[in-house]
Amino acid sequence: MVLLKEVENPSGFGVAKFDERGNLVKLIEKPKVSPSKYALVGVYFFKPVVFDVIKELKPSWRGELEITDTLQIMLERNYRVG
């Protein structure tokens, strides 16, 4: 589970993208063009499967393992996130 907050300048955060029904479909780390004003606030609740996903991560262009990438993989595998 993730918590989101509406912010004025979402491009400085991990940002949520929603489908037409309001379902969370994608999380984007610091996008140049933001799909919404809803930012990740850094509060997460995970099931143990998160550790399996983390093992598969590759460093981002910044050389870091991104929590946003972890959440995106979980979304793609149909785990409930959000």
C-alpha atoms as a PDB file:
ATOM      1  CA  MET A   1       0.000   0.000   0.000  1.00  0.00           C
ATOM      2  CA  VAL A   2       1.223   3.504  -0.758  1.00  0.00           C
ATOM      3  CA  LEU A   3       0.032   6.897   0.425  1.00  0.00           C
ATOM      4  CA  LEU A   4      -0.351   9.754  -2.044  1.00  0.00           C
ATOM      5  CA  LYS A   5      -0.735  13.507  -1.593  1.00  0.00           C
ATOM      6  CA  GLU A   6      -1.802  16.147  -4.073  1.00  0.00           C
ATOM      7  CA  VAL A   7       1.116  18.560  -4.610  1.00  0.00           C
ATOM      8  CA  GLU A   8       1.698  21.690  -6.673  1.00  0.00           C
ATOM      9  CA  ASN A   9       4.963  20.596  -8.312  1.00  0.00           C
ATOM     10  CA  PRO A  10       4.748  16.812  -8.791  1.00  0.00           C
ATOM     11  CA  SER A  11       7.785  16.557 -11.072  1.00  0.00           C
ATOM     12  CA  GLY A  12      10.032  16.536  -7.996  1.00  0.00           C
ATOM     13  CA  PHE A  13       8.484  13.323  -6.661  1.00  0.00           C
ATOM     14  CA  GLY A  14       7.437   9.834  -7.594  1.00  0.00           C
ATOM     15  CA  VAL A  15       4.056  10.440  -9.249  1.00  0.00           C
ATOM     16  CA  ALA A  16       0.968   8.266  -9.682  1.00  0.00           C
ATOM     17  CA  LYS A  17      -0.839   7.699 -12.980  1.00  0.00           C
ATOM     18  CA  PHE A  18      -4.461   6.516 -12.944  1.00  0.00           C
ATOM     19  CA  ASP A  19      -6.724   4.900 -15.527  1.00  0.00           C
ATOM     20  CA  GLU A  20     -10.153   6.280 -16.460  1.00  0.00           C
ATOM     21  CA  ARG A  21     -11.735   4.458 -13.488  1.00  0.00           C
ATOM     22  CA  GLY A  22      -9.268   5.936 -11.001  1.00  0.00           C
ATOM     23  CA  ASN A  23      -7.190   2.780 -10.589  1.00  0.00           C
ATOM     24  CA  LEU A  24      -3.477   3.226 -10.015  1.00  0.00           C
ATOM     25  CA  VAL A  25      -1.716   1.924 -13.149  1.00  0.00           C
ATOM     26  CA  LYS A  26       1.784   3.384 -13.065  1.00  0.00           C
ATOM     27  CA  LEU A  27       4.302   5.088 -10.811  1.00  0.00           C
ATOM     28  CA  ILE A  28       6.894   7.376 -12.382  1.00  0.00           C
ATOM     29  CA  GLU A  29       9.952   8.703 -10.550  1.00  0.00           C
ATOM     30  CA  LYS A  30      10.423  12.463 -11.029  1.00  0.00           C
ATOM     31  CA  PRO A  31       8.743  12.768 -14.451  1.00  0.00           C
ATOM     32  CA  LYS A  32       9.421  15.765 -16.686  1.00  0.00           C
ATOM     33  CA  VAL A  33       5.709  15.811 -17.563  1.00  0.00           C
ATOM     34  CA  SER A  34       3.523  14.590 -14.730  1.00  0.00           C
ATOM     35  CA  PRO A  35       0.427  12.451 -15.398  1.00  0.00           C
ATOM     36  CA  SER A  36      -1.225  13.733 -12.177  1.00  0.00           C
ATOM     37  CA  LYS A  37      -0.642  15.932  -9.148  1.00  0.00           C
ATOM     38  CA  TYR A  38      -0.520  12.930  -6.800  1.00  0.00           C
ATOM     39  CA  ALA A  39       2.913  12.265  -5.335  1.00  0.00           C
ATOM     40  CA  LEU A  40       4.224   9.383  -3.271  1.00  0.00           C
ATOM     41  CA  VAL A  41       4.750  10.643   0.262  1.00  0.00           C
ATOM     42  CA  GLY A  42       7.146   7.937   1.414  1.00  0.00           C
ATOM     43  CA  VAL A  43       4.784   5.846   3.557  1.00  0.00           C
ATOM     44  CA  TYR A  44       4.587   2.220   2.410  1.00  0.00           C
ATOM     45  CA  PHE A  45       3.178  -1.043   3.739  1.00  0.00           C
ATOM     46  CA  PHE A  46       4.505  -4.183   2.039  1.00  0.00           C
ATOM     47  CA  LYS A  47       3.888  -7.886   1.983  1.00  0.00           C
ATOM     48  CA  PRO A  48       7.013 -10.101   2.054  1.00  0.00           C
ATOM     49  CA  VAL A  49       6.919 -10.515  -1.756  1.00  0.00           C
ATOM     50  CA  VAL A  50       8.560  -7.086  -1.966  1.00  0.00           C
ATOM     51  CA  PHE A  51      11.915  -8.660  -1.077  1.00  0.00           C
ATOM     52  CA  ASP A  52      11.727 -10.958  -4.119  1.00  0.00           C
ATOM     53  CA  VAL A  53      11.043  -7.960  -6.347  1.00  0.00           C
ATOM     54  CA  ILE A  54      13.905  -5.938  -4.843  1.00  0.00           C
ATOM     55  CA  LYS A  55      16.340  -8.752  -5.674  1.00  0.00           C
ATOM     56  CA  GLU A  56      15.464  -8.275  -9.363  1.00  0.00           C
ATOM     57  CA  LEU A  57      16.012  -4.503  -9.471  1.00  0.00           C
ATOM     58  CA  LYS A  58      18.745  -2.866 -11.469  1.00  0.00           C
ATOM     59  CA  PRO A  59      20.078   0.563 -10.495  1.00  0.00           C
ATOM     60  CA  SER A  60      18.373   3.554 -12.104  1.00  0.00           C
ATOM     61  CA  TRP A  61      20.184   6.136 -14.216  1.00  0.00           C
ATOM     62  CA  ARG A  62      21.059   7.772 -10.868  1.00  0.00           C
ATOM     63  CA  GLY A  63      22.769   4.566  -9.714  1.00  0.00           C
ATOM     64  CA  GLU A  64      20.140   3.894  -7.068  1.00  0.00           C
ATOM     65  CA  LEU A  65      17.578   1.165  -6.470  1.00  0.00           C
ATOM     66  CA  GLU A  66      14.288   3.041  -6.751  1.00  0.00           C
ATOM     67  CA  ILE A  67      11.265   2.215  -4.606  1.00  0.00           C
ATOM     68  CA  THR A  68       9.139   3.498  -7.495  1.00  0.00           C
ATOM     69  CA  ASP A  69      10.574   0.765  -9.747  1.00  0.00           C
ATOM     70  CA  THR A  70       9.741  -1.827  -7.087  1.00  0.00           C
ATOM     71  CA  LEU A  71       6.158  -0.611  -6.906  1.00  0.00           C
ATOM     72  CA  GLN A  72       5.845  -0.524 -10.706  1.00  0.00           C
ATOM     73  CA  ILE A  73       6.968  -4.156 -11.004  1.00  0.00           C
ATOM     74  CA  MET A  74       4.421  -5.116  -8.362  1.00  0.00           C
ATOM     75  CA  LEU A  75       1.697  -3.291 -10.319  1.00  0.00           C
ATOM     76  CA  GLU A  76       2.704  -5.074 -13.518  1.00  0.00           C
ATOM     77  CA  ARG A  77       2.428  -8.416 -11.695  1.00  0.00           C
ATOM     78  CA  ASN A  78      -1.079  -7.543 -10.516  1.00  0.00           C
ATOM     79  CA  TYR A  79      -0.229  -7.055  -6.860  1.00  0.00           C
ATOM     80  CA  ARG A  80      -2.457  -4.489  -5.249  1.00  0.00           C
ATOM     81  CA  VAL A  81      -0.545  -1.246  -4.795  1.00  0.00           C
ATOM     82  CA  GLY A  82      -2.399   1.807  -3.591  1.00  0.00           C
END
